[in-house]
C-alpha atoms as a PDB file:
ATOM      1  CA  MET A   1      86.512  83.027 120.399  1.00  0.00           C
ATOM      2  CA  SER A   2      89.937  84.669 122.771  1.00  0.00           C
ATOM      3  CA  THR A   3      91.871  86.908 121.122  1.00  0.00           C
ATOM      4  CA  GLN A   4      95.648  85.385 120.399  1.00  0.00           C
ATOM      5  CA  LEU A   5      98.727  87.358 120.569  1.00  0.00           C
ATOM      6  CA  LEU A   6     100.781  87.757 117.682  1.00  0.00           C
ATOM      7  CA  GLN A   7     104.582  86.966 119.861  1.00  0.00           C
ATOM      8  CA  GLY A   8     106.970  88.188 117.639  1.00  0.00           C
ATOM      9  CA  GLU A   9     109.890  87.586 120.407  1.00  0.00           C
ATOM     10  CA  LYS A  10     109.560  84.058 120.422  1.00  0.00           C
ATOM     11  CA  ILE A  11     109.975  83.793 116.608  1.00  0.00           C
ATOM     12  CA  ALA A  12     112.897  86.403 116.570  1.00  0.00           C
ATOM     13  CA  LYS A  13     114.724  83.669 118.911  1.00  0.00           C
ATOM     14  CA  ARG A  14     114.537  81.193 116.766  1.00  0.00           C
ATOM     15  CA  ILE A  15     115.526  83.294 113.661  1.00  0.00           C
ATOM     16  CA  LEU A  16     118.531  84.951 115.846  1.00  0.00           C
ATOM     17  CA  GLU A  17     119.175  81.461 116.786  1.00  0.00           C
ATOM     18  CA  ASP A  18     120.100  80.637 113.414  1.00  0.00           C
ATOM     19  CA  VAL A  19     121.775  83.613 112.422  1.00  0.00           C
ATOM     20  CA  ARG A  20     124.140  83.081 115.220  1.00  0.00           C
ATOM     21  CA  LYS A  21     125.157  79.991 113.838  1.00  0.00           C
ATOM     22  CA  GLN A  22     125.690  81.101 110.618  1.00  0.00           C
ATOM     23  CA  ALA A  23     127.655  84.512 111.430  1.00  0.00           C
ATOM     24  CA  GLN A  24     130.489  82.039 113.114  1.00  0.00           C
ATOM     25  CA  GLY A  25     133.200  82.684 111.915  1.00  0.00           C
ATOM     26  CA  LYS A  26     132.517  85.328 109.198  1.00  0.00           C
ATOM     27  CA  GLN A  27     133.333  88.352 110.839  1.00  0.00           C
ATOM     28  CA  LEU A  28     129.984  89.891 109.957  1.00  0.00           C
ATOM     29  CA  LYS A  29     130.389  94.052 111.167  1.00  0.00           C
ATOM     30  CA  LEU A  30     126.532  96.357 110.647  1.00  0.00           C
ATOM     31  CA  ALA A  31     127.329  99.716 110.261  1.00  0.00           C
ATOM     32  CA  VAL A  32     124.293 101.986 111.600  1.00  0.00           C
ATOM     33  CA  ILE A  33     124.370 105.514 110.660  1.00  0.00           C
ATOM     34  CA  GLN A  34     122.551 108.008 112.747  1.00  0.00           C
ATOM     35  CA  VAL A  35     121.791 112.121 111.699  1.00  0.00           C
ATOM     36  CA  GLY A  36     120.809 114.024 114.493  1.00  0.00           C
ATOM     37  CA  LYS A  37     119.350 113.215 117.824  1.00  0.00           C
ATOM     38  CA  ASN A  38     115.960 111.017 117.722  1.00  0.00           C
ATOM     39  CA  ALA A  39     114.505 109.135 120.816  1.00  0.00           C
ATOM     40  CA  VAL A  40     113.132 106.238 118.677  1.00  0.00           C
ATOM     41  CA  SER A  41     116.065 105.759 116.995  1.00  0.00           C
ATOM     42  CA  GLU A  42     118.374 105.617 119.629  1.00  0.00           C
ATOM     43  CA  THR A  43     116.050 103.241 120.945  1.00  0.00           C
ATOM     44  CA  TYR A  44     115.972 101.156 117.794  1.00  0.00           C
ATOM     45  CA  ILE A  45     120.020 101.600 117.753  1.00  0.00           C
ATOM     46  CA  GLN A  46     120.309 100.317 121.366  1.00  0.00           C
ATOM     47  CA  ARG A  47     118.011  97.132 120.587  1.00  0.00           C
ATOM     48  CA  LYS A  48     120.480  96.749 117.513  1.00  0.00           C
ATOM     49  CA  GLN A  49     123.304  96.651 118.549  1.00  0.00           C
ATOM     50  CA  LYS A  50     122.490  94.516 121.807  1.00  0.00           C
ATOM     51  CA  VAL A  51     121.397  92.004 119.666  1.00  0.00           C
ATOM     52  CA  ALA A  52     124.117  91.940 117.247  1.00  0.00           C
ATOM     53  CA  LYS A  53     126.566  91.767 120.203  1.00  0.00           C
ATOM     54  CA  GLU A  54     124.573  88.952 121.577  1.00  0.00           C
ATOM     55  CA  ILE A  55     124.969  86.827 118.207  1.00  0.00           C
ATOM     56  CA  GLY A  56     128.267  87.645 117.503  1.00  0.00           C
ATOM     57  CA  VAL A  57     128.197  90.089 114.686  1.00  0.00           C
ATOM     58  CA  GLY A  58     130.282  93.296 114.480  1.00  0.00           C
ATOM     59  CA  PHE A  59     128.461  96.717 115.201  1.00  0.00           C
ATOM     60  CA  GLU A  60     129.844 100.293 115.203  1.00  0.00           C
ATOM     61  CA  LEU A  61     127.472 103.416 115.285  1.00  0.00           C
ATOM     62  CA  PHE A  62     128.576 106.295 113.165  1.00  0.00           C
ATOM     63  CA  TYR A  63     126.921 109.594 114.625  1.00  0.00           C
ATOM     64  CA  PHE A  64     126.415 113.016 112.128  1.00  0.00           C
ATOM     65  CA  PRO A  65     125.559 115.824 113.252  1.00  0.00           C
ATOM     66  CA  GLU A  66     121.932 117.118 112.369  1.00  0.00           C
ATOM     67  CA  ASP A  67     122.907 120.228 110.558  1.00  0.00           C
ATOM     68  CA  ILE A  68     125.218 118.112 108.208  1.00  0.00           C
ATOM     69  CA  SER A  69     125.237 118.998 104.615  1.00  0.00           C
ATOM     70  CA  GLN A  70     123.825 116.919 101.588  1.00  0.00           C
ATOM     71  CA  THR A  71     127.153 116.501  99.654  1.00  0.00           C
ATOM     72  CA  LYS A  72     128.951 115.815 103.522  1.00  0.00           C
ATOM     73  CA  ALA A  73     126.349 113.071 104.630  1.00  0.00           C
ATOM     74  CA  THR A  74     126.714 111.127 100.904  1.00  0.00           C
ATOM     75  CA  GLU A  75     130.176 111.249 101.060  1.00  0.00           C
ATOM     76  CA  GLN A  76     130.706 110.012 104.638  1.00  0.00           C
ATOM     77  CA  ILE A  77     128.201 107.034 103.973  1.00  0.00           C
ATOM     78  CA  GLN A  78     129.877 106.013 100.982  1.00  0.00           C
ATOM     79  CA  THR A  79     133.203 106.078 102.906  1.00  0.00           C
ATOM     80  CA  VAL A  80     131.781 103.844 105.826  1.00  0.00           C
ATOM     81  CA  ALA A  81     130.165 101.226 102.885  1.00  0.00           C
ATOM     82  CA  GLN A  82     133.796 101.111 101.549  1.00  0.00           C
ATOM     83  CA  ASP A  83     135.225  99.421 104.201  1.00  0.00           C
ATOM     84  CA  SER A  84     135.930  95.854 103.447  1.00  0.00           C
ATOM     85  CA  ASP A  85     135.402  95.250 107.461  1.00  0.00           C
ATOM     86  CA  VAL A  86     131.513  96.228 106.922  1.00  0.00           C
ATOM     87  CA  SER A  87     128.883  93.970 105.672  1.00  0.00           C
ATOM     88  CA  GLY A  88     126.016  95.877 105.733  1.00  0.00           C
ATOM     89  CA  VAL A  89     124.842  99.595 106.195  1.00  0.00           C
ATOM     90  CA  ILE A  90     121.840 101.214 107.544  1.00  0.00           C
ATOM     91  CA  VAL A  91     120.499 105.025 107.721  1.00  0.00           C
ATOM     92  CA  GLN A  92     118.859 105.269 110.695  1.00  0.00           C
ATOM     93  CA  LEU A  93     115.142 107.044 109.917  1.00  0.00           C
ATOM     94  CA  PRO A  94     113.862 109.719 110.383  1.00  0.00           C
ATOM     95  CA  LEU A  95     116.684 112.073 109.060  1.00  0.00           C
ATOM     96  CA  PRO A  96     116.715 115.862 109.382  1.00  0.00           C
ATOM     97  CA  LYS A  97     113.966 117.743 106.823  1.00  0.00           C
ATOM     98  CA  ALA A  98     116.958 119.375 105.478  1.00  0.00           C
ATOM     99  CA  LEU A  99     118.422 116.354 103.816  1.00  0.00           C
ATOM    100  CA  ASN A 100     116.745 114.383 100.912  1.00  0.00           C
ATOM    101  CA  THR A 101     116.631 111.108 102.306  1.00  0.00           C
ATOM    102  CA  GLN A 102     116.163 109.177  99.269  1.00  0.00           C
ATOM    103  CA  GLN A 103     119.607 110.778  97.980  1.00  0.00           C
ATOM    104  CA  VAL A 104     120.851 109.936 101.431  1.00  0.00           C
ATOM    105  CA  LEU A 105     119.705 106.170 101.123  1.00  0.00           C
ATOM    106  CA  ASP A 106     120.839 105.912  97.497  1.00  0.00           C
ATOM    107  CA  SER A 107     124.566 106.497  98.691  1.00  0.00           C
ATOM    108  CA  ILE A 108     124.439 102.833 100.494  1.00  0.00           C
ATOM    109  CA  PRO A 109     125.374  99.741  97.698  1.00  0.00           C
ATOM    110  CA  LEU A 110     123.376  97.474  96.685  1.00  0.00           C
ATOM    111  CA  SER A 111     125.572  94.452  98.095  1.00  0.00           C
ATOM    112  CA  LYS A 112     125.170  96.121 101.681  1.00  0.00           C
ATOM    113  CA  ASP A 113     121.771  97.739 101.635  1.00  0.00           C
ATOM    114  CA  VAL A 114     120.146  95.015 104.834  1.00  0.00           C
ATOM    115  CA  ASP A 115     117.247  97.335 105.093  1.00  0.00           C
ATOM    116  CA  VAL A 116     116.157  97.408 101.284  1.00  0.00           C
ATOM    117  CA  LEU A 117     116.213 101.356 101.227  1.00  0.00           C
ATOM    118  CA  SER A 118     118.189 102.697  98.012  1.00  0.00           C
ATOM    119  CA  SER A 119     116.175 103.032  94.879  1.00  0.00           C
ATOM    120  CA  GLN A 120     118.102 100.324  93.505  1.00  0.00           C
ATOM    121  CA  SER A 121     117.757  97.535  95.868  1.00  0.00           C
ATOM    122  CA  PHE A 122     113.287  98.855  96.470  1.00  0.00           C
ATOM    123  CA  GLY A 123     113.250  98.497  92.982  1.00  0.00           C
ATOM    124  CA  LEU A 124     114.389  94.716  92.509  1.00  0.00           C
ATOM    125  CA  PHE A 125     112.042  93.786  95.659  1.00  0.00           C
ATOM    126  CA  ALA A 126     109.326  95.866  93.891  1.00  0.00           C
ATOM    127  CA  LEU A 127     109.610  93.416  90.942  1.00  0.00           C
ATOM    128  CA  GLY A 128     110.241  90.101  93.171  1.00  0.00           C
ATOM    129  CA  GLN A 129     113.577  89.844  92.089  1.00  0.00           C
ATOM    130  CA  SER A 130     115.480  90.678  95.296  1.00  0.00           C
ATOM    131  CA  PRO A 131     117.299  88.087  97.406  1.00  0.00           C
ATOM    132  CA  ILE A 132     116.141  89.975 100.933  1.00  0.00           C
ATOM    133  CA  LEU A 133     112.844  90.702 101.983  1.00  0.00           C
ATOM    134  CA  PRO A 134     112.705  93.947 103.725  1.00  0.00           C
ATOM    135  CA  PRO A 135     112.851  93.545 107.242  1.00  0.00           C
ATOM    136  CA  THR A 136     109.353  94.626 108.506  1.00  0.00           C
ATOM    137  CA  VAL A 137     108.081  92.645 105.600  1.00  0.00           C
ATOM    138  CA  GLN A 138     109.607  89.474 106.628  1.00  0.00           C
ATOM    139  CA  ALA A 139     108.669  90.518 110.247  1.00  0.00           C
ATOM    140  CA  VAL A 140     104.740  90.439 109.230  1.00  0.00           C
ATOM    141  CA  SER A 141     105.293  87.588 106.662  1.00  0.00           C
ATOM    142  CA  LEU A 142     106.930  85.480 109.671  1.00  0.00           C
ATOM    143  CA  LEU A 143     104.001  86.470 112.137  1.00  0.00           C
ATOM    144  CA  LEU A 144     101.061  85.317 109.532  1.00  0.00           C
ATOM    145  CA  GLN A 145     103.127  82.275 108.710  1.00  0.00           C
ATOM    146  CA  GLU A 146     103.387  81.168 112.294  1.00  0.00           C
ATOM    147  CA  TYR A 147     100.006  81.667 112.860  1.00  0.00           C
ATOM    148  CA  LYS A 148      98.346  80.426 109.735  1.00  0.00           C
ATOM    149  CA  ILE A 149      96.850  83.623 108.999  1.00  0.00           C
ATOM    150  CA  GLY A 150      96.528  83.939 105.252  1.00  0.00           C
ATOM    151  CA  ALA A 151      96.490  87.241 103.663  1.00  0.00           C
ATOM    152  CA  ARG A 152      95.462  85.510  99.826  1.00  0.00           C
ATOM    153  CA  GLY A 153      91.895  87.598  99.145  1.00  0.00           C
ATOM    154  CA  LYS A 154      91.752  88.950 102.554  1.00  0.00           C
ATOM    155  CA  ASN A 155      90.807  93.082 103.105  1.00  0.00           C
ATOM    156  CA  VAL A 156      93.675  94.328 104.313  1.00  0.00           C
ATOM    157  CA  VAL A 157      94.024  98.260 105.404  1.00  0.00           C
ATOM    158  CA  VAL A 158      97.642  99.626 105.891  1.00  0.00           C
ATOM    159  CA  VAL A 159      97.920 102.897 108.010  1.00  0.00           C
ATOM    160  CA  GLY A 160     100.637 104.987 106.879  1.00  0.00           C
ATOM    161  CA  ALA A 161     102.747 104.994 103.767  1.00  0.00           C
ATOM    162  CA  GLY A 162     106.153 105.203 104.880  1.00  0.00           C
ATOM    163  CA  ARG A 163     109.219 103.492 103.184  1.00  0.00           C
ATOM    164  CA  LEU A 164     110.145 101.526 106.285  1.00  0.00           C
ATOM    165  CA  VAL A 165     106.645 100.104 107.019  1.00  0.00           C
ATOM    166  CA  GLY A 166     103.340 101.045 104.726  1.00  0.00           C
ATOM    167  CA  LEU A 167     105.006 101.297 101.051  1.00  0.00           C
ATOM    168  CA  PRO A 168     107.190  97.525 101.308  1.00  0.00           C
ATOM    169  CA  LEU A 169     104.467  96.316 102.854  1.00  0.00           C
ATOM    170  CA  THR A 170     101.675  97.573 100.494  1.00  0.00           C
ATOM    171  CA  ILE A 171     103.727  96.019  97.583  1.00  0.00           C
ATOM    172  CA  TRP A 172     104.077  92.489  99.122  1.00  0.00           C
ATOM    173  CA  LEU A 173     100.466  92.165 100.429  1.00  0.00           C
ATOM    174  CA  MET A 174      99.597  92.662  96.763  1.00  0.00           C
ATOM    175  CA  ARG A 175     101.957  90.143  95.331  1.00  0.00           C
ATOM    176  CA  GLU A 176     100.600  87.613  98.064  1.00  0.00           C
ATOM    177  CA  LYS A 177      97.378  88.758  96.317  1.00  0.00           C
ATOM    178  CA  ALA A 178      95.520  90.762  98.910  1.00  0.00           C
ATOM    179  CA  ALA A 179      93.194  93.240  98.879  1.00  0.00           C
ATOM    180  CA  VAL A 180      94.843  96.132  99.904  1.00  0.00           C
ATOM    181  CA  THR A 181      93.800  99.654 100.880  1.00  0.00           C
ATOM    182  CA  ILE A 182      96.469 102.166 101.921  1.00  0.00           C
ATOM    183  CA  LEU A 183      96.090 104.993 104.316  1.00  0.00           C
ATOM    184  CA  GLN A 184      97.610 107.955 105.530  1.00  0.00           C
ATOM    185  CA  GLU A 185      96.815 108.506 109.136  1.00  0.00           C
ATOM    186  CA  THR A 186      95.251 112.320 107.598  1.00  0.00           C
ATOM    187  CA  ALA A 187      92.819 110.073 105.847  1.00  0.00           C
ATOM    188  CA  LYS A 188      88.929 111.355 106.478  1.00  0.00           C
ATOM    189  CA  ASP A 189      86.938 108.276 107.091  1.00  0.00           C
ATOM    190  CA  MET A 190      89.695 106.139 108.158  1.00  0.00           C
ATOM    191  CA  THR A 191      87.278 103.841 110.348  1.00  0.00           C
ATOM    192  CA  PHE A 192      84.652 103.205 107.199  1.00  0.00           C
ATOM    193  CA  PHE A 193      88.014 101.267 105.822  1.00  0.00           C
ATOM    194  CA  THR A 194      89.083  99.972 108.932  1.00  0.00           C
ATOM    195  CA  THR A 195      85.816  98.587 110.248  1.00  0.00           C
ATOM    196  CA  CYS A 196      85.687  96.293 106.996  1.00  0.00           C
ATOM    197  CA  ALA A 197      89.448  94.952 107.246  1.00  0.00           C
ATOM    198  CA  ASP A 198      89.994  91.323 108.141  1.00  0.00           C
ATOM    199  CA  ILE A 199      93.983  92.744 108.668  1.00  0.00           C
ATOM    200  CA  VAL A 200      94.475  95.648 110.041  1.00  0.00           C
ATOM    201  CA  ILE A 201      98.494  96.971 109.786  1.00  0.00           C
ATOM    202  CA  SER A 202      99.475 100.419 111.246  1.00  0.00           C
ATOM    203  CA  GLY A 203     103.097 101.973 111.140  1.00  0.00           C
ATOM    204  CA  VAL A 204     102.336 105.543 111.479  1.00  0.00           C
ATOM    205  CA  GLY A 205     104.250 106.295 114.656  1.00  0.00           C
ATOM    206  CA  LYS A 206     101.112 107.692 116.700  1.00  0.00           C
ATOM    207  CA  GLN A 207      99.688 106.692 120.016  1.00  0.00           C
ATOM    208  CA  GLN A 208      96.132 105.821 120.705  1.00  0.00           C
ATOM    209  CA  LEU A 209      95.698 105.973 116.411  1.00  0.00           C
ATOM    210  CA  ILE A 210      93.949 102.490 116.282  1.00  0.00           C
ATOM    211  CA  LYS A 211      91.021 102.496 118.858  1.00  0.00           C
ATOM    212  CA  LYS A 212      88.525  99.469 119.002  1.00  0.00           C
ATOM    213  CA  ASP A 213      85.908 101.157 117.526  1.00  0.00           C
ATOM    214  CA  MET A 214      87.966 101.031 114.257  1.00  0.00           C
ATOM    215  CA  ILE A 215      88.155  97.032 113.767  1.00  0.00           C
ATOM    216  CA  LYS A 216      85.665  94.511 112.938  1.00  0.00           C
ATOM    217  CA  ARG A 217      85.313  91.616 115.895  1.00  0.00           C
ATOM    218  CA  GLY A 218      87.921  88.980 114.998  1.00  0.00           C
ATOM    219  CA  ALA A 219      90.342  91.346 113.036  1.00  0.00           C
ATOM    220  CA  VAL A 220      94.188  90.612 113.110  1.00  0.00           C
ATOM    221  CA  VAL A 221      95.525  93.914 114.275  1.00  0.00           C
ATOM    222  CA  ILE A 222      99.163  93.938 113.793  1.00  0.00           C
ATOM    223  CA  ASP A 223     101.077  97.200 115.645  1.00  0.00           C
ATOM    224  CA  ALA A 224     104.274  98.205 113.192  1.00  0.00           C
ATOM    225  CA  GLY A 225     104.285 101.850 114.795  1.00  0.00           C
ATOM    226  CA  THR A 226     106.470 103.413 117.496  1.00  0.00           C
ATOM    227  CA  SER A 227     106.766 106.590 119.172  1.00  0.00           C
ATOM    228  CA  VAL A 228     108.180 107.142 122.573  1.00  0.00           C
ATOM    229  CA  GLU A 229     106.368 108.472 125.899  1.00  0.00           C
ATOM    230  CA  GLY A 230     108.164 108.503 129.065  1.00  0.00           C
ATOM    231  CA  GLY A 231     110.986 106.534 128.089  1.00  0.00           C
ATOM    232  CA  LYS A 232     109.258 103.789 127.013  1.00  0.00           C
ATOM    233  CA  LEU A 233     108.418 102.346 123.693  1.00  0.00           C
ATOM    234  CA  ARG A 234     104.515 103.291 122.390  1.00  0.00           C
ATOM    235  CA  GLY A 235     102.994 101.497 119.860  1.00  0.00           C
ATOM    236  CA  ASP A 236      99.745 102.713 116.971  1.00  0.00           C
ATOM    237  CA  VAL A 237      97.391 100.711 118.784  1.00  0.00           C
ATOM    238  CA  ASP A 238      95.210 100.938 121.836  1.00  0.00           C
ATOM    239  CA  PHE A 239      95.983  97.454 123.332  1.00  0.00           C
ATOM    240  CA  PRO A 240      93.924  96.940 125.996  1.00  0.00           C
ATOM    241  CA  ASN A 241      91.163  97.928 124.526  1.00  0.00           C
ATOM    242  CA  VAL A 242      91.395  96.738 120.755  1.00  0.00           C
ATOM    243  CA  ALA A 243      92.578  94.096 122.274  1.00  0.00           C
ATOM    244  CA  LYS A 244      89.226  93.040 123.781  1.00  0.00           C
ATOM    245  CA  LYS A 245      87.625  93.026 120.179  1.00  0.00           C
ATOM    246  CA  ALA A 246      90.495  91.732 118.084  1.00  0.00           C
ATOM    247  CA  GLY A 247      91.078  88.184 116.986  1.00  0.00           C
ATOM    248  CA  TRP A 248      94.511  88.194 116.927  1.00  0.00           C
ATOM    249  CA  ILE A 249      97.089  91.448 118.104  1.00  0.00           C
ATOM    250  CA  THR A 250     100.799  91.928 118.625  1.00  0.00           C
ATOM    251  CA  PRO A 251     101.615  93.002 121.608  1.00  0.00           C
ATOM    252  CA  MET A 252     103.938  96.006 122.288  1.00  0.00           C
ATOM    253  CA  PRO A 253     106.720  95.674 123.013  1.00  0.00           C
ATOM    254  CA  GLY A 254     107.256  91.983 121.849  1.00  0.00           C
ATOM    255  CA  GLY A 255     105.241  92.296 118.604  1.00  0.00           C
ATOM    256  CA  VAL A 256     107.074  93.055 115.382  1.00  0.00           C
ATOM    257  CA  GLY A 257     109.926  95.142 116.451  1.00  0.00           C
ATOM    258  CA  PRO A 258     111.815  92.447 117.742  1.00  0.00           C
ATOM    259  CA  LEU A 259     111.657  90.305 114.744  1.00  0.00           C
ATOM    260  CA  THR A 260     112.330  93.368 112.716  1.00  0.00           C
ATOM    261  CA  VAL A 261     115.697  93.708 114.187  1.00  0.00           C
ATOM    262  CA  ALA A 262     115.870  89.450 113.723  1.00  0.00           C
ATOM    263  CA  CYS A 263     115.206  89.860 110.110  1.00  0.00           C
ATOM    264  CA  LEU A 264     117.446  93.028 109.796  1.00  0.00           C
ATOM    265  CA  LEU A 265     120.632  90.471 111.291  1.00  0.00           C
ATOM    266  CA  LYS A 266     119.240  87.721 109.080  1.00  0.00           C
ATOM    267  CA  ASN A 267     119.443  89.771 105.818  1.00  0.00           C
ATOM    268  CA  LEU A 268     123.224  90.527 106.574  1.00  0.00           C
ATOM    269  CA  VAL A 269     124.088  87.158 107.020  1.00  0.00           C
ATOM    270  CA  VAL A 270     122.476  86.592 103.533  1.00  0.00           C
ATOM    271  CA  LEU A 271     124.168  89.449 101.849  1.00  0.00           C
ATOM    272  CA  GLY A 272     127.434  88.755 103.362  1.00  0.00           C
ATOM    273  CA  GLN A 273     127.259  85.098 102.142  1.00  0.00           C
ATOM    274  CA  LYS A 274     126.106  86.560  98.289  1.00  0.00           C
ATOM    275  CA  ASP A 275     129.256  89.181  98.628  1.00  0.00           C
ATOM    276  CA  ARG A 276     131.880  86.044  99.040  1.00  0.00           C
ATOM    277  CA  ASN A 277     130.114  84.001  96.697  1.00  0.00           C
ATOM    278  CA  LYS A 278     131.010  86.753  93.552  1.00  0.00           C
END
């Protein structure tokens, strides 16, 4: 069988059209907090700003210096979140190593946590009680749904255990009754696990991590990792070679990335509506 591309961009366009209609007249605004400089972060922030503008959602970037203290970062995020004009708040990861990432994320109130990263909102998601899904989880779920790929009973390997990709996806996949193995990029014998997988999802941010000899023929390969080289976004998967062997594969760009941004803005609408209904 020929390899089929899992094109997230076309799904994203449909979602954004719905979000644009729902956002009309509601004065929604997304606040993005960036701490220090990071090439991948800046690329994603620019994408979010561009898409928000296209669908009529307000956007404001708050830049904090890399040497900001833990206390100051938390206080300033709380100040941003308390603004009644702000509908959703995200803290762009990764943060400088000197900061306690989870404590920073926990300063985002539940009602405005569109990324589902605070302890409270992530806990509700883990228990199946959140009104929204983490954007990357939504993106992968919609890709599998669009291309009629079921996760139930499948052997799935998730590479990377980060809060944005690996950890929430593992929780969701277990809820979907998949057999899930989660690996760190430093795992020994990674190929042993990935060659047994029906679905491989990588979210490490390391170029050329997933190679052709690491997957079985006909596998589903989802690249949710991002790094920057020469000003261009790169994924974790050796796409030209892996595509020769996979049954389904996400392109880079045009796969998970644009769909994740669309799902983030969908969450903004959902939380904005929920807040108004109180």
